[in-house]
Amino acid sequence: IVAYEGLTGILPFTSADPMAAMYAIANGPVEPPSRRRPGLSPDWDTVLLRALSKDPAERYASMEQFARAVLQCRNNYVAGAWDYAAWQVVRD
């Protein structure tokens, strides 16, 4: 959730009603980050949607796997475009 917000500037689940927000977290789909931030590489969609999957079996098995995917994504620029804001999130 922190990486998603860092890349898009928006939480993946938002609602003024706390019950609706909890329902969305448990049951709602996650909008791909690239839809919330045009120009963001679709590679980020793959990484973050997997991390936020409702099914635990579909998520990364460890934080190390997730970190490796984030670093790989960071290194895969689309057509040589530099995504500085995304890089800032994962550079350290």
PDB file of N, CA and C in Angstrom:
ATOM      1  N   ILE A   1       0.832  -1.181   0.000  1.00  0.00           N
ATOM      2  CA  ILE A   1       0.000   0.000   0.000  1.00  0.00           C
ATOM      3  C   ILE A   1       0.883   1.254   0.000  1.00  0.00           C
ATOM      4  N   VAL A   2       1.961   1.217   0.749  1.00  0.00           N
ATOM      5  CA  VAL A   2       2.866   2.372   0.806  1.00  0.00           C
ATOM      6  C   VAL A   2       3.519   2.609  -0.556  1.00  0.00           C
ATOM      7  N   ALA A   3       3.963   1.548  -1.210  1.00  0.00           N
ATOM      8  CA  ALA A   3       4.585   1.704  -2.528  1.00  0.00           C
ATOM      9  C   ALA A   3       3.567   2.220  -3.541  1.00  0.00           C
ATOM     10  N   TYR A   4       2.352   1.713  -3.486  1.00  0.00           N
ATOM     11  CA  TYR A   4       1.290   2.158  -4.391  1.00  0.00           C
ATOM     12  C   TYR A   4       1.043   3.655  -4.205  1.00  0.00           C
ATOM     13  N   GLU A   5       0.895   4.072  -2.970  1.00  0.00           N
ATOM     14  CA  GLU A   5       0.656   5.491  -2.694  1.00  0.00           C
ATOM     15  C   GLU A   5       1.866   6.335  -3.093  1.00  0.00           C
ATOM     16  N   GLY A   6       3.056   5.806  -2.859  1.00  0.00           N
ATOM     17  CA  GLY A   6       4.259   6.546  -3.231  1.00  0.00           C
ATOM     18  C   GLY A   6       4.380   6.775  -4.721  1.00  0.00           C
ATOM     19  N   LEU A   7       3.944   5.818  -5.507  1.00  0.00           N
ATOM     20  CA  LEU A   7       4.036   5.933  -6.965  1.00  0.00           C
ATOM     21  C   LEU A   7       2.895   6.726  -7.579  1.00  0.00           C
ATOM     22  N   THR A   8       1.721   6.683  -6.945  1.00  0.00           N
ATOM     23  CA  THR A   8       0.552   7.326  -7.541  1.00  0.00           C
ATOM     24  C   THR A   8       0.110   8.584  -6.810  1.00  0.00           C
ATOM     25  N   GLY A   9       0.495   8.702  -5.548  1.00  0.00           N
ATOM     26  CA  GLY A   9       0.026   9.819  -4.735  1.00  0.00           C
ATOM     27  C   GLY A   9      -1.357   9.594  -4.153  1.00  0.00           C
ATOM     28  N   ILE A  10      -1.910   8.396  -4.379  1.00  0.00           N
ATOM     29  CA  ILE A  10      -3.266   8.065  -3.934  1.00  0.00           C
ATOM     30  C   ILE A  10      -3.253   6.675  -3.309  1.00  0.00           C
ATOM     31  N   LEU A  11      -3.994   6.507  -2.218  1.00  0.00           N
ATOM     32  CA  LEU A  11      -4.137   5.171  -1.635  1.00  0.00           C
ATOM     33  C   LEU A  11      -4.915   4.277  -2.592  1.00  0.00           C
ATOM     34  N   PRO A  12      -4.635   2.981  -2.606  1.00  0.00           N
ATOM     35  CA  PRO A  12      -5.361   2.101  -3.518  1.00  0.00           C
ATOM     36  C   PRO A  12      -6.837   1.921  -3.149  1.00  0.00           C
ATOM     37  N   PHE A  13      -7.178   2.156  -1.896  1.00  0.00           N
ATOM     38  CA  PHE A  13      -8.558   2.013  -1.438  1.00  0.00           C
ATOM     39  C   PHE A  13      -8.946   3.282  -0.693  1.00  0.00           C
ATOM     40  N   THR A  14      -9.929   3.994  -1.203  1.00  0.00           N
ATOM     41  CA  THR A  14     -10.358   5.211  -0.534  1.00  0.00           C
ATOM     42  C   THR A  14     -11.875   5.255  -0.438  1.00  0.00           C
ATOM     43  N   SER A  15     -12.341   5.801   0.652  1.00  0.00           N
ATOM     44  CA  SER A  15     -13.771   6.007   0.851  1.00  0.00           C
ATOM     45  C   SER A  15     -13.948   6.891   2.070  1.00  0.00           C
ATOM     46  N   ALA A  16     -14.966   7.739   2.022  1.00  0.00           N
ATOM     47  CA  ALA A  16     -15.279   8.575   3.183  1.00  0.00           C
ATOM     48  C   ALA A  16     -15.888   7.730   4.297  1.00  0.00           C
ATOM     49  N   ASP A  17     -16.478   6.608   3.931  1.00  0.00           N
ATOM     50  CA  ASP A  17     -17.117   5.719   4.890  1.00  0.00           C
ATOM     51  C   ASP A  17     -16.140   4.603   5.275  1.00  0.00           C
ATOM     52  N   PRO A  18     -15.761   4.491   6.554  1.00  0.00           N
ATOM     53  CA  PRO A  18     -14.810   3.459   6.982  1.00  0.00           C
ATOM     54  C   PRO A  18     -15.256   2.034   6.645  1.00  0.00           C
ATOM     55  N   MET A  19     -16.534   1.743   6.729  1.00  0.00           N
ATOM     56  CA  MET A  19     -17.020   0.393   6.403  1.00  0.00           C
ATOM     57  C   MET A  19     -16.860   0.103   4.912  1.00  0.00           C
ATOM     58  N   ALA A  20     -17.135   1.098   4.087  1.00  0.00           N
ATOM     59  CA  ALA A  20     -16.962   0.924   2.648  1.00  0.00           C
ATOM     60  C   ALA A  20     -15.485   0.730   2.308  1.00  0.00           C
ATOM     61  N   ALA A  21     -14.622   1.446   2.997  1.00  0.00           N
ATOM     62  CA  ALA A  21     -13.185   1.294   2.773  1.00  0.00           C
ATOM     63  C   ALA A  21     -12.733  -0.111   3.157  1.00  0.00           C
ATOM     64  N   MET A  22     -13.196  -0.608   4.292  1.00  0.00           N
ATOM     65  CA  MET A  22     -12.827  -1.974   4.717  1.00  0.00           C
ATOM     66  C   MET A  22     -13.357  -3.004   3.728  1.00  0.00           C
ATOM     67  N   TYR A  23     -14.568  -2.796   3.226  1.00  0.00           N
ATOM     68  CA  TYR A  23     -15.125  -3.720   2.235  1.00  0.00           C
ATOM     69  C   TYR A  23     -14.266  -3.706   0.967  1.00  0.00           C
ATOM     70  N   ALA A  24     -13.878  -2.518   0.522  1.00  0.00           N
ATOM     71  CA  ALA A  24     -13.045  -2.404  -0.680  1.00  0.00           C
ATOM     72  C   ALA A  24     -11.705  -3.098  -0.491  1.00  0.00           C
ATOM     73  N   ILE A  25     -11.114  -2.950   0.682  1.00  0.00           N
ATOM     74  CA  ILE A  25      -9.837  -3.606   0.957  1.00  0.00           C
ATOM     75  C   ILE A  25      -9.989  -5.119   0.875  1.00  0.00           C
ATOM     76  N   ALA A  26     -11.067  -5.631   1.452  1.00  0.00           N
ATOM     77  CA  ALA A  26     -11.274  -7.084   1.493  1.00  0.00           C
ATOM     78  C   ALA A  26     -11.775  -7.664   0.178  1.00  0.00           C
ATOM     79  N   ASN A  27     -12.561  -6.901  -0.576  1.00  0.00           N
ATOM     80  CA  ASN A  27     -13.251  -7.487  -1.726  1.00  0.00           C
ATOM     81  C   ASN A  27     -13.084  -6.762  -3.050  1.00  0.00           C
ATOM     82  N   GLY A  28     -12.750  -5.502  -3.001  1.00  0.00           N
ATOM     83  CA  GLY A  28     -12.720  -4.712  -4.225  1.00  0.00           C
ATOM     84  C   GLY A  28     -11.465  -4.915  -5.044  1.00  0.00           C
ATOM     85  N   PRO A  29     -11.571  -4.653  -6.340  1.00  0.00           N
ATOM     86  CA  PRO A  29     -10.382  -4.745  -7.192  1.00  0.00           C
ATOM     87  C   PRO A  29      -9.458  -3.547  -6.948  1.00  0.00           C
ATOM     88  N   VAL A  30      -8.203  -3.733  -7.231  1.00  0.00           N
ATOM     89  CA  VAL A  30      -7.224  -2.654  -7.127  1.00  0.00           C
ATOM     90  C   VAL A  30      -7.032  -2.083  -8.533  1.00  0.00           C
ATOM     91  N   GLU A  31      -7.187  -0.788  -8.646  1.00  0.00           N
ATOM     92  CA  GLU A  31      -6.982  -0.158  -9.940  1.00  0.00           C
ATOM     93  C   GLU A  31      -5.488  -0.144 -10.257  1.00  0.00           C
ATOM     94  N   PRO A  32      -5.105  -0.538 -11.461  1.00  0.00           N
ATOM     95  CA  PRO A  32      -3.683  -0.516 -11.810  1.00  0.00           C
ATOM     96  C   PRO A  32      -3.093   0.880 -11.590  1.00  0.00           C
ATOM     97  N   PRO A  33      -1.906   0.939 -11.002  1.00  0.00           N
ATOM     98  CA  PRO A  33      -1.275   2.235 -10.728  1.00  0.00           C
ATOM     99  C   PRO A  33      -1.135   3.115 -11.968  1.00  0.00           C
ATOM    100  N   SER A  34      -0.918   2.511 -13.125  1.00  0.00           N
ATOM    101  CA  SER A  34      -0.729   3.310 -14.342  1.00  0.00           C
ATOM    102  C   SER A  34      -1.992   4.050 -14.757  1.00  0.00           C
ATOM    103  N   ARG A  35      -3.148   3.614 -14.292  1.00  0.00           N
ATOM    104  CA  ARG A  35      -4.390   4.343 -14.582  1.00  0.00           C
ATOM    105  C   ARG A  35      -4.502   5.588 -13.712  1.00  0.00           C
ATOM    106  N   ARG A  36      -3.892   5.532 -12.561  1.00  0.00           N
ATOM    107  CA  ARG A  36      -3.938   6.686 -11.653  1.00  0.00           C
ATOM    108  C   ARG A  36      -2.800   7.656 -11.921  1.00  0.00           C
ATOM    109  N   ARG A  37      -1.773   7.165 -12.578  1.00  0.00           N
ATOM    110  CA  ARG A  37      -0.637   8.025 -12.918  1.00  0.00           C
ATOM    111  C   ARG A  37      -0.202   7.710 -14.346  1.00  0.00           C
ATOM    112  N   PRO A  38      -0.798   8.383 -15.297  1.00  0.00           N
ATOM    113  CA  PRO A  38      -0.440   8.139 -16.696  1.00  0.00           C
ATOM    114  C   PRO A  38       1.060   8.286 -16.919  1.00  0.00           C
ATOM    115  N   GLY A  39       1.584   7.414 -17.751  1.00  0.00           N
ATOM    116  CA  GLY A  39       3.015   7.433 -18.040  1.00  0.00           C
ATOM    117  C   GLY A  39       3.814   6.481 -17.174  1.00  0.00           C
ATOM    118  N   LEU A  40       3.205   5.989 -16.116  1.00  0.00           N
ATOM    119  CA  LEU A  40       3.888   5.020 -15.264  1.00  0.00           C
ATOM    120  C   LEU A  40       3.979   3.695 -16.002  1.00  0.00           C
ATOM    121  N   SER A  41       5.119   3.075 -15.962  1.00  0.00           N
ATOM    122  CA  SER A  41       5.336   1.817 -16.668  1.00  0.00           C
ATOM    123  C   SER A  41       4.348   0.739 -16.226  1.00  0.00           C
ATOM    124  N   PRO A  42       3.814  -0.041 -17.165  1.00  0.00           N
ATOM    125  CA  PRO A  42       2.945  -1.162 -16.817  1.00  0.00           C
ATOM    126  C   PRO A  42       3.661  -2.217 -15.963  1.00  0.00           C
ATOM    127  N   ASP A  43       4.988  -2.185 -15.966  1.00  0.00           N
ATOM    128  CA  ASP A  43       5.737  -3.100 -15.098  1.00  0.00           C
ATOM    129  C   ASP A  43       5.357  -2.877 -13.636  1.00  0.00           C
ATOM    130  N   TRP A  44       5.100  -1.610 -13.280  1.00  0.00           N
ATOM    131  CA  TRP A  44       4.697  -1.310 -11.903  1.00  0.00           C
ATOM    132  C   TRP A  44       3.332  -1.917 -11.600  1.00  0.00           C
ATOM    133  N   ASP A  45       2.442  -1.951 -12.593  1.00  0.00           N
ATOM    134  CA  ASP A  45       1.136  -2.590 -12.399  1.00  0.00           C
ATOM    135  C   ASP A  45       1.327  -4.048 -12.000  1.00  0.00           C
ATOM    136  N   THR A  46       2.167  -4.737 -12.735  1.00  0.00           N
ATOM    137  CA  THR A  46       2.404  -6.158 -12.475  1.00  0.00           C
ATOM    138  C   THR A  46       2.924  -6.376 -11.061  1.00  0.00           C
ATOM    139  N   VAL A  47       3.912  -5.601 -10.677  1.00  0.00           N
ATOM    140  CA  VAL A  47       4.533  -5.776  -9.357  1.00  0.00           C
ATOM    141  C   VAL A  47       3.558  -5.441  -8.235  1.00  0.00           C
ATOM    142  N   LEU A  48       2.927  -4.288  -8.320  1.00  0.00           N
ATOM    143  CA  LEU A  48       2.072  -3.843  -7.215  1.00  0.00           C
ATOM    144  C   LEU A  48       0.757  -4.607  -7.138  1.00  0.00           C
ATOM    145  N   LEU A  49       0.180  -4.954  -8.274  1.00  0.00           N
ATOM    146  CA  LEU A  49      -1.067  -5.732  -8.228  1.00  0.00           C
ATOM    147  C   LEU A  49      -0.817  -7.126  -7.660  1.00  0.00           C
ATOM    148  N   ARG A  50       0.335  -7.692  -7.945  1.00  0.00           N
ATOM    149  CA  ARG A  50       0.671  -8.979  -7.336  1.00  0.00           C
ATOM    150  C   ARG A  50       0.835  -8.826  -5.824  1.00  0.00           C
ATOM    151  N   ALA A  51       1.504  -7.787  -5.395  1.00  0.00           N
ATOM    152  CA  ALA A  51       1.714  -7.562  -3.963  1.00  0.00           C
ATOM    153  C   ALA A  51       0.399  -7.322  -3.227  1.00  0.00           C
ATOM    154  N   LEU A  52      -0.577  -6.731  -3.907  1.00  0.00           N
ATOM    155  CA  LEU A  52      -1.856  -6.399  -3.285  1.00  0.00           C
ATOM    156  C   LEU A  52      -2.954  -7.424  -3.588  1.00  0.00           C
ATOM    157  N   SER A  53      -2.570  -8.562  -4.149  1.00  0.00           N
ATOM    158  CA  SER A  53      -3.553  -9.581  -4.490  1.00  0.00           C
ATOM    159  C   SER A  53      -4.374 -10.004  -3.273  1.00  0.00           C
ATOM    160  N   LYS A  54      -5.661 -10.240  -3.504  1.00  0.00           N
ATOM    161  CA  LYS A  54      -6.537 -10.721  -2.429  1.00  0.00           C
ATOM    162  C   LYS A  54      -6.171 -12.143  -2.020  1.00  0.00           C
ATOM    163  N   ASP A  55      -5.667 -12.917  -2.973  1.00  0.00           N
ATOM    164  CA  ASP A  55      -5.298 -14.307  -2.718  1.00  0.00           C
ATOM    165  C   ASP A  55      -3.845 -14.380  -2.245  1.00  0.00           C
ATOM    166  N   PRO A  56      -3.624 -14.772  -0.995  1.00  0.00           N
ATOM    167  CA  PRO A  56      -2.255 -14.840  -0.474  1.00  0.00           C
ATOM    168  C   PRO A  56      -1.318 -15.713  -1.314  1.00  0.00           C
ATOM    169  N   ALA A  57      -1.852 -16.730  -1.965  1.00  0.00           N
ATOM    170  CA  ALA A  57      -1.017 -17.615  -2.792  1.00  0.00           C
ATOM    171  C   ALA A  57      -0.483 -16.898  -4.024  1.00  0.00           C
ATOM    172  N   GLU A  58      -1.136 -15.815  -4.425  1.00  0.00           N
ATOM    173  CA  GLU A  58      -0.693 -15.060  -5.597  1.00  0.00           C
ATOM    174  C   GLU A  58       0.315 -13.969  -5.253  1.00  0.00           C
ATOM    175  N   ARG A  59       0.449 -13.641  -3.977  1.00  0.00           N
ATOM    176  CA  ARG A  59       1.378 -12.586  -3.549  1.00  0.00           C
ATOM    177  C   ARG A  59       2.813 -13.100  -3.535  1.00  0.00           C
ATOM    178  N   TYR A  60       3.749 -12.184  -3.372  1.00  0.00           N
ATOM    179  CA  TYR A  60       5.147 -12.561  -3.227  1.00  0.00           C
ATOM    180  C   TYR A  60       5.295 -13.383  -1.952  1.00  0.00           C
ATOM    181  N   ALA A  61       6.119 -14.398  -2.005  1.00  0.00           N
ATOM    182  CA  ALA A  61       6.303 -15.287  -0.856  1.00  0.00           C
ATOM    183  C   ALA A  61       7.103 -14.634   0.265  1.00  0.00           C
ATOM    184  N   SER A  62       7.871 -13.615  -0.075  1.00  0.00           N
ATOM    185  CA  SER A  62       8.685 -12.952   0.943  1.00  0.00           C
ATOM    186  C   SER A  62       8.903 -11.496   0.567  1.00  0.00           C
ATOM    187  N   MET A  63       9.316 -10.732   1.544  1.00  0.00           N
ATOM    188  CA  MET A  63       9.653  -9.335   1.286  1.00  0.00           C
ATOM    189  C   MET A  63      10.850  -9.248   0.353  1.00  0.00           C
ATOM    190  N   GLU A  64      11.751 -10.202   0.455  1.00  0.00           N
ATOM    191  CA  GLU A  64      12.916 -10.219  -0.437  1.00  0.00           C
ATOM    192  C   GLU A  64      12.481 -10.362  -1.894  1.00  0.00           C
ATOM    193  N   GLN A  65      11.523 -11.251  -2.169  1.00  0.00           N
ATOM    194  CA  GLN A  65      11.026 -11.409  -3.542  1.00  0.00           C
ATOM    195  C   GLN A  65      10.385 -10.120  -4.038  1.00  0.00           C
ATOM    196  N   PHE A  66       9.605  -9.491  -3.181  1.00  0.00           N
ATOM    197  CA  PHE A  66       8.961  -8.232  -3.550  1.00  0.00           C
ATOM    198  C   PHE A  66      10.013  -7.162  -3.829  1.00  0.00           C
ATOM    199  N   ALA A  67      11.006  -7.051  -2.963  1.00  0.00           N
ATOM    200  CA  ALA A  67      12.065  -6.060  -3.147  1.00  0.00           C
ATOM    201  C   ALA A  67      12.820  -6.290  -4.451  1.00  0.00           C
ATOM    202  N   ARG A  68      13.086  -7.542  -4.771  1.00  0.00           N
ATOM    203  CA  ARG A  68      13.778  -7.851  -6.033  1.00  0.00           C
ATOM    204  C   ARG A  68      12.924  -7.434  -7.234  1.00  0.00           C
ATOM    205  N   ALA A  69      11.622  -7.690  -7.145  1.00  0.00           N
ATOM    206  CA  ALA A  69      10.722  -7.310  -8.236  1.00  0.00           C
ATOM    207  C   ALA A  69      10.684  -5.788  -8.391  1.00  0.00           C
ATOM    208  N   VAL A  70      10.647  -5.070  -7.282  1.00  0.00           N
ATOM    209  CA  VAL A  70      10.636  -3.610  -7.327  1.00  0.00           C
ATOM    210  C   VAL A  70      11.934  -3.098  -7.941  1.00  0.00           C
ATOM    211  N   LEU A  71      13.046  -3.644  -7.521  1.00  0.00           N
ATOM    212  CA  LEU A  71      14.333  -3.204  -8.073  1.00  0.00           C
ATOM    213  C   LEU A  71      14.443  -3.526  -9.559  1.00  0.00           C
ATOM    214  N   GLN A  72      13.959  -4.699  -9.963  1.00  0.00           N
ATOM    215  CA  GLN A  72      13.979  -5.065 -11.379  1.00  0.00           C
ATOM    216  C   GLN A  72      13.090  -4.106 -12.172  1.00  0.00           C
ATOM    217  N   CYS A  73      11.936  -3.808 -11.641  1.00  0.00           N
ATOM    218  CA  CYS A  73      11.014  -2.886 -12.289  1.00  0.00           C
ATOM    219  C   CYS A  73      11.651  -1.506 -12.435  1.00  0.00           C
ATOM    220  N   ARG A  74      12.294  -1.072 -11.390  1.00  0.00           N
ATOM    221  CA  ARG A  74      12.972   0.225 -11.418  1.00  0.00           C
ATOM    222  C   ARG A  74      14.006   0.280 -12.533  1.00  0.00           C
ATOM    223  N   ASN A  75      14.662  -0.832 -12.786  1.00  0.00           N
ATOM    224  CA  ASN A  75      15.726  -0.876 -13.787  1.00  0.00           C
ATOM    225  C   ASN A  75      15.218  -1.058 -15.209  1.00  0.00           C
ATOM    226  N   ASN A  76      13.941  -1.413 -15.346  1.00  0.00           N
ATOM    227  CA  ASN A  76      13.351  -1.632 -16.677  1.00  0.00           C
ATOM    228  C   ASN A  76      12.578  -0.395 -17.109  1.00  0.00           C
ATOM    229  N   TYR A  77      13.231   0.540 -17.710  1.00  0.00           N
ATOM    230  CA  TYR A  77      12.564   1.746 -18.184  1.00  0.00           C
ATOM    231  C   TYR A  77      11.824   1.388 -19.463  1.00  0.00           C
ATOM    232  N   VAL A  78      10.719   2.015 -19.670  1.00  0.00           N
ATOM    233  CA  VAL A  78       9.959   1.818 -20.902  1.00  0.00           C
ATOM    234  C   VAL A  78      10.521   2.766 -21.948  1.00  0.00           C
ATOM    235  N   ALA A  79      11.026   2.202 -23.005  1.00  0.00           N
ATOM    236  CA  ALA A  79      11.595   2.977 -24.124  1.00  0.00           C
ATOM    237  C   ALA A  79      12.621   4.001 -23.644  1.00  0.00           C
ATOM    238  N   GLY A  80      13.349   3.647 -22.605  1.00  0.00           N
ATOM    239  CA  GLY A  80      14.407   4.510 -22.114  1.00  0.00           C
ATOM    240  C   GLY A  80      13.925   5.685 -21.284  1.00  0.00           C
ATOM    241  N   ALA A  81      12.620   5.736 -20.992  1.00  0.00           N
ATOM    242  CA  ALA A  81      12.091   6.855 -20.203  1.00  0.00           C
ATOM    243  C   ALA A  81      12.504   6.698 -18.751  1.00  0.00           C
ATOM    244  N   TRP A  82      12.891   7.784 -18.143  1.00  0.00           N
ATOM    245  CA  TRP A  82      13.309   7.784 -16.741  1.00  0.00           C
ATOM    246  C   TRP A  82      12.117   8.149 -15.886  1.00  0.00           C
ATOM    247  N   ASP A  83      11.739   7.261 -14.990  1.00  0.00           N
ATOM    248  CA  ASP A  83      10.617   7.504 -14.092  1.00  0.00           C
ATOM    249  C   ASP A  83      11.184   7.911 -12.739  1.00  0.00           C
ATOM    250  N   TYR A  84      11.560   9.189 -12.627  1.00  0.00           N
ATOM    251  CA  TYR A  84      12.274   9.667 -11.457  1.00  0.00           C
ATOM    252  C   TYR A  84      11.469   9.507 -10.170  1.00  0.00           C
ATOM    253  N   ALA A  85      10.182   9.814 -10.198  1.00  0.00           N
ATOM    254  CA  ALA A  85       9.370   9.708  -8.987  1.00  0.00           C
ATOM    255  C   ALA A  85       9.314   8.264  -8.496  1.00  0.00           C
ATOM    256  N   ALA A  86       9.174   7.326  -9.400  1.00  0.00           N
ATOM    257  CA  ALA A  86       9.154   5.919  -9.004  1.00  0.00           C
ATOM    258  C   ALA A  86      10.509   5.502  -8.462  1.00  0.00           C
ATOM    259  N   TRP A  87      11.578   5.993  -9.070  1.00  0.00           N
ATOM    260  CA  TRP A  87      12.914   5.640  -8.607  1.00  0.00           C
ATOM    261  C   TRP A  87      13.146   6.149  -7.198  1.00  0.00           C
ATOM    262  N   GLN A  88      12.653   7.322  -6.864  1.00  0.00           N
ATOM    263  CA  GLN A  88      12.837   7.875  -5.543  1.00  0.00           C
ATOM    264  C   GLN A  88      12.256   6.972  -4.472  1.00  0.00           C
ATOM    265  N   VAL A  89      11.162   6.308  -4.764  1.00  0.00           N
ATOM    266  CA  VAL A  89      10.503   5.436  -3.798  1.00  0.00           C
ATOM    267  C   VAL A  89      11.385   4.256  -3.424  1.00  0.00           C
ATOM    268  N   VAL A  90      12.132   3.735  -4.381  1.00  0.00           N
ATOM    269  CA  VAL A  90      12.864   2.475  -4.137  1.00  0.00           C
ATOM    270  C   VAL A  90      14.381   2.627  -4.130  1.00  0.00           C
ATOM    271  N   ARG A  91      14.900   3.831  -4.243  1.00  0.00           N
ATOM    272  CA  ARG A  91      16.352   3.983  -4.393  1.00  0.00           C
ATOM    273  C   ARG A  91      17.129   3.597  -3.151  1.00  0.00           C
ATOM    274  N   ASP A  92      16.542   3.716  -1.993  1.00  0.00           N
ATOM    275  CA  ASP A  92      17.265   3.378  -0.777  1.00  0.00           C
ATOM    276  C   ASP A  92      16.895   2.009  -0.378  1.00  0.00           C
TER     277      ASP A  92
END
